[in-house]
Amino acid sequence: MKLSYFPDTDSLYIDLSDAPSIESREVSEGVVFDYDACGNLVGIDIDHASRRVDLTTVTLTLMPSGMPAGMPAGTETRRSNSFHGFEPFTGGSARVTNEDIDRIRDGMDC
């Protein structure tokens, strides 16, 4: 999972998967869910993020299977101003055609 904050648009994007998004649905004003070809949630876009969520702290509760050696289960880490160091978005917009969607679906095991 990757969190990316874009101060120029005050938006927060939460990447949940590396799978490409082929469909987006606005679930509430300014909150968009992105789905892959199999209908799995792959990302969440939050507009006006500084007004909707606390951007000063990210809390991560590690699960046993993904935990670094020597950290006990349930360890919680906090980092203030935690968006320092996150990669800025450098890509542009992309147009996805129906043919692209069909190729993606054909190559996926849903």
Protein backbone atom coordinates (compact mmCIF):
# COMPACT_ATOMS: atom_id res chain seq x y z
CA MET A 1 0.00 0.00 0.00
CA LYS A 2 1.22 3.49 -0.81
CA LEU A 3 -0.09 6.87 0.34
CA SER A 4 0.53 9.92 -1.86
CA TYR A 5 -0.44 13.46 -0.91
CA PHE A 6 -0.58 16.18 -3.57
CA PRO A 7 -0.50 19.62 -1.91
CA ASP A 8 -1.23 21.49 -5.15
CA THR A 9 -4.66 19.82 -5.35
CA ASP A 10 -5.01 18.95 -1.64
CA SER A 11 -5.74 15.35 -2.55
CA LEU A 12 -4.68 12.07 -0.99
CA TYR A 13 -4.39 8.90 -3.05
CA ILE A 14 -4.20 5.52 -1.36
CA ASP A 15 -2.83 2.80 -3.66
CA LEU A 16 -4.05 -0.56 -2.41
CA SER A 17 -2.69 -2.65 -5.28
CA ASP A 18 -0.37 -2.49 -8.27
CA ALA A 19 -3.23 -3.64 -10.52
CA PRO A 20 -4.35 -1.02 -13.04
CA SER A 21 -7.57 0.84 -12.37
CA ILE A 22 -10.17 0.52 -15.12
CA GLU A 23 -13.24 1.89 -13.34
CA SER A 24 -13.83 4.68 -10.84
CA ARG A 25 -16.89 5.38 -8.71
CA GLU A 26 -17.53 8.44 -6.58
CA VAL A 27 -18.86 6.95 -3.34
CA SER A 28 -19.41 10.31 -1.65
CA GLU A 29 -18.65 13.87 -2.64
CA GLY A 30 -14.91 14.09 -3.29
CA VAL A 31 -14.18 10.42 -2.48
CA VAL A 32 -13.55 8.12 -5.45
CA PHE A 33 -12.92 4.37 -5.35
CA ASP A 34 -10.87 2.82 -8.19
CA TYR A 35 -11.43 -0.80 -9.27
CA ASP A 36 -9.45 -3.25 -11.39
CA ALA A 37 -10.82 -5.45 -14.19
CA CYS A 38 -11.99 -8.05 -11.65
CA GLY A 39 -13.90 -5.50 -9.59
CA ASN A 40 -11.34 -5.40 -6.77
CA LEU A 41 -10.74 -2.10 -4.99
CA VAL A 42 -7.26 -0.88 -5.99
CA GLY A 43 -7.23 2.76 -4.87
CA ILE A 44 -9.00 5.55 -3.02
CA ASP A 45 -8.80 9.22 -4.04
CA ILE A 46 -9.79 11.84 -1.44
CA ASP A 47 -10.26 15.45 -2.59
CA HIS A 48 -9.81 18.28 -0.05
CA ALA A 49 -7.89 15.79 2.07
CA SER A 50 -6.64 18.31 4.63
CA ARG A 51 -10.26 19.04 5.54
CA ARG A 52 -11.33 15.40 5.68
CA VAL A 53 -8.47 13.51 7.35
CA ASP A 54 -5.63 14.22 9.78
CA LEU A 55 -2.58 14.50 7.54
CA THR A 56 -0.13 15.11 10.38
CA THR A 57 0.15 11.49 11.52
CA VAL A 58 -0.07 8.07 9.92
CA THR A 59 -0.48 5.10 12.24
CA LEU A 60 0.60 1.71 10.98
CA THR A 61 -0.27 -1.44 12.86
CA LEU A 62 1.91 -4.21 11.51
CA MET A 63 0.59 -7.68 10.92
CA PRO A 64 2.72 -10.66 11.97
CA SER A 65 3.34 -11.91 8.41
CA GLY A 66 4.78 -8.60 7.17
CA MET A 67 6.68 -7.59 10.26
CA PRO A 68 10.40 -6.80 10.31
CA ALA A 69 12.48 -9.14 12.45
CA GLY A 70 12.52 -8.32 16.16
CA MET A 71 9.22 -6.38 16.24
CA PRO A 72 6.51 -7.93 18.42
CA ALA A 73 3.00 -8.52 17.03
CA GLY A 74 0.74 -5.50 17.30
CA THR A 75 3.62 -3.02 17.25
CA GLU A 76 2.37 0.44 16.35
CA THR A 77 4.54 3.06 14.72
CA ARG A 78 3.78 6.76 14.39
CA ARG A 79 5.48 9.39 12.29
CA SER A 80 4.56 13.06 12.48
CA ASN A 81 4.46 14.98 9.21
CA SER A 82 4.48 11.55 7.70
CA PHE A 83 3.99 12.60 4.10
CA HIS A 84 7.59 13.76 3.85
CA GLY A 85 9.39 11.26 1.70
CA PHE A 86 6.37 9.91 -0.16
CA GLU A 87 6.81 9.84 -3.92
CA PRO A 88 5.16 12.71 -5.76
CA PHE A 89 2.88 11.86 -8.66
CA THR A 90 4.77 12.41 -11.89
CA GLY A 91 2.47 10.73 -14.36
CA GLY A 92 -0.22 12.23 -16.50
CA SER A 93 -3.74 11.20 -17.25
CA ALA A 94 -4.35 8.20 -19.47
CA ARG A 95 -7.30 7.31 -21.65
CA VAL A 96 -8.40 3.70 -21.36
CA THR A 97 -10.38 2.28 -24.26
CA ASN A 98 -12.83 -0.65 -24.22
CA GLU A 99 -10.19 -2.67 -26.11
CA ASP A 100 -7.68 -1.94 -23.33
CA ILE A 101 -10.19 -3.14 -20.74
CA ASP A 102 -10.86 -6.35 -22.71
CA ARG A 103 -7.09 -7.03 -22.95
CA ILE A 104 -6.67 -6.45 -19.22
CA ARG A 105 -9.60 -8.73 -18.37
CA ASP A 106 -8.34 -11.45 -20.72
CA GLY A 107 -4.97 -11.45 -18.98
CA MET A 108 -6.38 -11.59 -15.43
CA ASP A 109 -7.50 -14.57 -13.41
CA CYS A 110 -10.52 -13.09 -11.60
